[in-house]
Amino acid sequence: MNFLAHLYLSGSDPDVRLGNFMGDFVKGSRYLDYPPGIRHGIQLHRRIDAFTDGHSVVKQSIQRMKQPYDRYAGVVVDLFYDHFLAALWENYHHQSLSDYVTMINRMLVKNYFRLPGEVKRIVPFMVQSRRLESYQTVEGIARALTIMTRHTSMPDRVEAAIVRLQDDYIPLREEFTLFFEAAHQMSVTVLADIRAADGL
């Protein structure tokens, strides 16, 4: 899952959201250095990633992207799933996507100095460009993919990815919907288990 989905699956606790947002950038046992809410968010992030990687529906979506992206197909599908969450946002949240992104951006700015170094480098642009909100459109996804190809080792096959997204839009959306319902149920249960294990 990508940033928007991880944030949504965190529930309403700001510290859990913050931990889940930065989960990819906290390795090994370093999560123990953080206070309980952030620590729980990082743990939840890892469980969501494991659940996503092993889910048959996600594997089906990844298979659609193997041709243009090979080993990066999963990264592209994560971004596509964020697009569908943003595009279908009113089905999942009472708050508008615009208001939700404003709230998240304020949280990131407020907690900027608690973030790992790598995250600090990307947050200012994410906030300024309202990138999470831009996921709502195919054009926004194309821009996000372009940014990723400039700053990572992912190959520049943005045009092919967008063509595949448009050609397979309905089945990909159906796969997202099936998976996301299961991911939400899993996240609620797992977060409760993490808190219970920590005596909270």
Protein backbone atom coordinates (compact mmCIF):
# COMPACT_ATOMS: atom_id res chain seq x y z
CA MET A 1 0.00 0.00 0.00
CA ASN A 2 1.09 3.57 -0.60
CA PHE A 3 0.92 6.66 1.66
CA LEU A 4 -2.81 7.44 1.45
CA ALA A 5 -3.93 3.89 2.15
CA HIS A 6 -1.54 3.50 5.08
CA LEU A 7 -2.82 6.73 6.59
CA TYR A 8 -6.45 5.73 6.14
CA LEU A 9 -5.89 2.28 7.65
CA SER A 10 -4.35 3.89 10.76
CA GLY A 11 -7.70 5.02 12.14
CA SER A 12 -8.05 8.33 13.96
CA ASP A 13 -5.06 8.37 16.33
CA PRO A 14 -2.56 11.01 15.07
CA ASP A 15 0.49 9.19 16.47
CA VAL A 16 -0.55 5.90 14.88
CA ARG A 17 -1.01 7.77 11.59
CA LEU A 18 2.43 9.33 11.92
CA GLY A 19 4.07 5.99 12.66
CA ASN A 20 2.28 4.27 9.79
CA PHE A 21 3.24 7.10 7.42
CA MET A 22 6.95 6.75 8.18
CA GLY A 23 6.94 2.97 8.60
CA ASP A 24 9.04 2.24 5.49
CA PHE A 25 11.85 4.40 6.84
CA VAL A 26 12.22 2.84 10.30
CA LYS A 27 14.22 -0.37 10.04
CA GLY A 28 14.53 -3.33 12.37
CA SER A 29 14.15 -2.69 16.09
CA ARG A 30 14.51 1.10 15.73
CA TYR A 31 10.73 1.36 16.12
CA LEU A 32 11.31 0.74 19.84
CA ASP A 33 12.90 4.20 20.07
CA TYR A 34 9.50 5.85 19.56
CA PRO A 35 6.60 6.48 21.99
CA PRO A 36 3.72 3.97 22.02
CA GLY A 37 1.39 5.52 19.41
CA ILE A 38 4.11 5.99 16.80
CA ARG A 39 5.53 2.57 17.62
CA HIS A 40 2.10 1.00 17.09
CA GLY A 41 1.77 2.78 13.75
CA ILE A 42 5.12 1.42 12.57
CA GLN A 43 4.13 -2.09 13.66
CA LEU A 44 0.79 -1.72 11.89
CA HIS A 45 2.58 -0.54 8.75
CA ARG A 46 4.67 -3.71 8.70
CA ARG A 47 1.63 -5.92 9.18
CA ILE A 48 -0.24 -4.14 6.38
CA ASP A 49 2.73 -4.60 4.04
CA ALA A 50 2.95 -8.32 4.86
CA PHE A 51 -0.80 -8.75 4.38
CA THR A 52 -0.66 -6.89 1.07
CA ASP A 53 2.33 -8.85 -0.26
CA GLY A 54 0.63 -12.17 0.45
CA HIS A 55 -2.87 -11.36 -0.81
CA SER A 56 -4.06 -13.21 -3.91
CA VAL A 57 -6.02 -10.24 -5.28
CA VAL A 58 -2.97 -7.97 -5.06
CA LYS A 59 -0.89 -10.61 -6.82
CA GLN A 60 -3.48 -10.61 -9.60
CA SER A 61 -3.14 -6.84 -9.98
CA ILE A 62 0.65 -7.09 -9.95
CA GLN A 63 0.54 -9.64 -12.73
CA ARG A 64 -1.14 -7.02 -14.94
CA MET A 65 1.90 -4.76 -14.52
CA LYS A 66 4.66 -7.36 -14.91
CA GLN A 67 5.21 -6.64 -18.58
CA PRO A 68 6.14 -2.96 -18.30
CA TYR A 69 7.59 -2.99 -14.77
CA ASP A 70 8.84 -6.47 -13.87
CA ARG A 71 10.09 -6.38 -10.23
CA TYR A 72 8.69 -2.87 -9.73
CA ALA A 73 5.15 -3.96 -10.59
CA GLY A 74 4.14 -4.11 -6.93
CA VAL A 75 5.27 -0.52 -6.35
CA VAL A 76 3.13 0.65 -9.28
CA VAL A 77 0.10 -1.31 -8.05
CA ASP A 78 0.50 0.29 -4.60
CA LEU A 79 0.21 3.68 -6.27
CA PHE A 80 -2.74 2.56 -8.42
CA TYR A 81 -4.54 1.38 -5.28
CA ASP A 82 -4.01 4.81 -3.73
CA HIS A 83 -5.59 6.27 -6.85
CA PHE A 84 -8.69 4.12 -6.43
CA LEU A 85 -8.92 4.98 -2.73
CA ALA A 86 -8.74 8.68 -3.60
CA ALA A 87 -11.17 8.38 -6.51
CA LEU A 88 -13.67 6.43 -4.38
CA TRP A 89 -12.95 8.36 -1.19
CA GLU A 90 -16.57 9.24 -0.41
CA ASN A 91 -17.29 5.50 -0.13
CA TYR A 92 -14.77 5.17 2.70
CA HIS A 93 -14.71 8.38 4.72
CA HIS A 94 -17.22 10.98 5.93
CA GLN A 95 -14.67 13.77 5.52
CA SER A 96 -13.87 15.10 2.05
CA LEU A 97 -10.52 14.09 0.61
CA SER A 98 -9.48 17.75 0.45
CA ASP A 99 -10.20 18.27 4.16
CA TYR A 100 -8.55 14.98 5.07
CA VAL A 101 -5.36 15.86 3.17
CA THR A 102 -5.30 19.29 4.82
CA MET A 103 -5.51 17.58 8.22
CA ILE A 104 -2.72 15.13 7.30
CA ASN A 105 -0.50 17.90 5.97
CA ARG A 106 -0.92 19.87 9.20
CA MET A 107 -0.02 16.75 11.18
CA LEU A 108 3.15 16.25 9.11
CA VAL A 109 4.23 19.87 9.49
CA LYS A 110 3.52 19.84 13.23
CA ASN A 111 5.56 16.64 13.70
CA TYR A 112 8.24 17.40 11.12
CA PHE A 113 11.16 17.14 13.54
CA ARG A 114 10.01 13.73 14.76
CA LEU A 115 10.32 12.25 11.27
CA PRO A 116 13.31 10.22 10.02
CA GLY A 117 15.72 12.09 7.75
CA GLU A 118 14.54 10.52 4.49
CA VAL A 119 10.93 11.42 5.26
CA LYS A 120 11.89 15.01 6.10
CA ARG A 121 13.23 15.39 2.58
CA ILE A 122 9.95 14.41 0.88
CA VAL A 123 7.38 15.96 3.21
CA PRO A 124 7.77 19.64 2.16
CA PHE A 125 7.04 18.81 -1.48
CA MET A 126 4.22 16.44 -0.55
CA VAL A 127 2.57 19.15 1.52
CA GLN A 128 3.12 21.97 -0.96
CA SER A 129 1.87 19.96 -3.95
CA ARG A 130 -0.95 18.26 -1.99
CA ARG A 131 0.27 15.07 -3.57
CA LEU A 132 -2.11 12.82 -1.64
CA GLU A 133 -5.06 14.71 -3.08
CA SER A 134 -3.56 14.58 -6.59
CA TYR A 135 -3.84 10.78 -6.51
CA GLN A 136 -7.53 11.29 -7.30
CA THR A 137 -6.76 11.72 -11.01
CA VAL A 138 -4.88 9.62 -13.54
CA GLU A 139 -2.78 12.70 -14.30
CA GLY A 140 -1.80 12.89 -10.65
CA ILE A 141 -0.71 9.26 -10.69
CA ALA A 142 1.37 9.92 -13.82
CA ARG A 143 3.11 12.81 -12.03
CA ALA A 144 3.79 10.64 -8.98
CA LEU A 145 5.29 7.89 -11.16
CA THR A 146 7.46 10.44 -12.96
CA ILE A 147 8.78 11.72 -9.62
CA MET A 148 9.56 8.16 -8.54
CA THR A 149 11.53 7.45 -11.72
CA ARG A 150 13.61 10.58 -11.14
CA HIS A 151 14.48 9.78 -7.54
CA THR A 152 14.65 5.98 -7.45
CA SER A 153 15.99 3.16 -9.60
CA MET A 154 12.51 2.47 -11.01
CA PRO A 155 12.59 2.48 -14.85
CA ASP A 156 10.89 5.31 -16.73
CA ARG A 157 7.89 3.49 -18.18
CA VAL A 158 5.24 5.93 -17.03
CA GLU A 159 3.40 6.06 -20.36
CA ALA A 160 3.10 2.26 -20.48
CA ALA A 161 1.87 2.18 -16.87
CA ILE A 162 -0.83 4.76 -17.54
CA VAL A 163 -1.97 2.94 -20.68
CA ARG A 164 -2.29 -0.26 -18.65
CA LEU A 165 -4.17 1.55 -15.89
CA GLN A 166 -6.63 2.98 -18.40
CA ASP A 167 -7.04 -0.29 -20.31
CA ASP A 168 -7.58 -2.37 -17.15
CA TYR A 169 -9.27 0.34 -15.11
CA ILE A 170 -12.47 -1.55 -14.20
CA PRO A 171 -10.87 -4.88 -13.22
CA LEU A 172 -8.12 -3.07 -11.27
CA ARG A 173 -10.75 -1.03 -9.45
CA GLU A 174 -12.68 -4.20 -8.61
CA GLU A 175 -9.49 -5.85 -7.32
CA PHE A 176 -8.74 -2.81 -5.17
CA THR A 177 -12.26 -2.82 -3.72
CA LEU A 178 -12.08 -6.51 -2.82
CA PHE A 179 -8.66 -6.20 -1.28
CA PHE A 180 -9.26 -2.96 0.60
CA GLU A 181 -12.27 -4.29 2.48
CA ALA A 182 -10.14 -7.16 3.75
CA ALA A 183 -7.21 -4.83 4.53
CA HIS A 184 -9.44 -2.55 6.58
CA GLN A 185 -10.85 -5.40 8.64
CA MET A 186 -7.36 -6.78 9.19
CA SER A 187 -5.97 -3.39 10.25
CA VAL A 188 -8.66 -2.80 12.88
CA THR A 189 -8.02 -6.23 14.41
CA VAL A 190 -4.23 -5.99 14.25
CA LEU A 191 -4.08 -2.51 15.79
CA ALA A 192 -6.24 -3.68 18.69
CA ASP A 193 -3.93 -6.68 19.16
CA ILE A 194 -0.79 -4.48 19.08
CA ARG A 195 -2.23 -2.15 21.70
CA ALA A 196 -3.33 -5.05 23.89
CA ALA A 197 0.13 -6.63 23.69
CA ASP A 198 1.56 -3.30 24.87
CA GLY A 199 -0.87 -3.19 27.79
CA LEU A 200 -2.89 -0.31 26.34
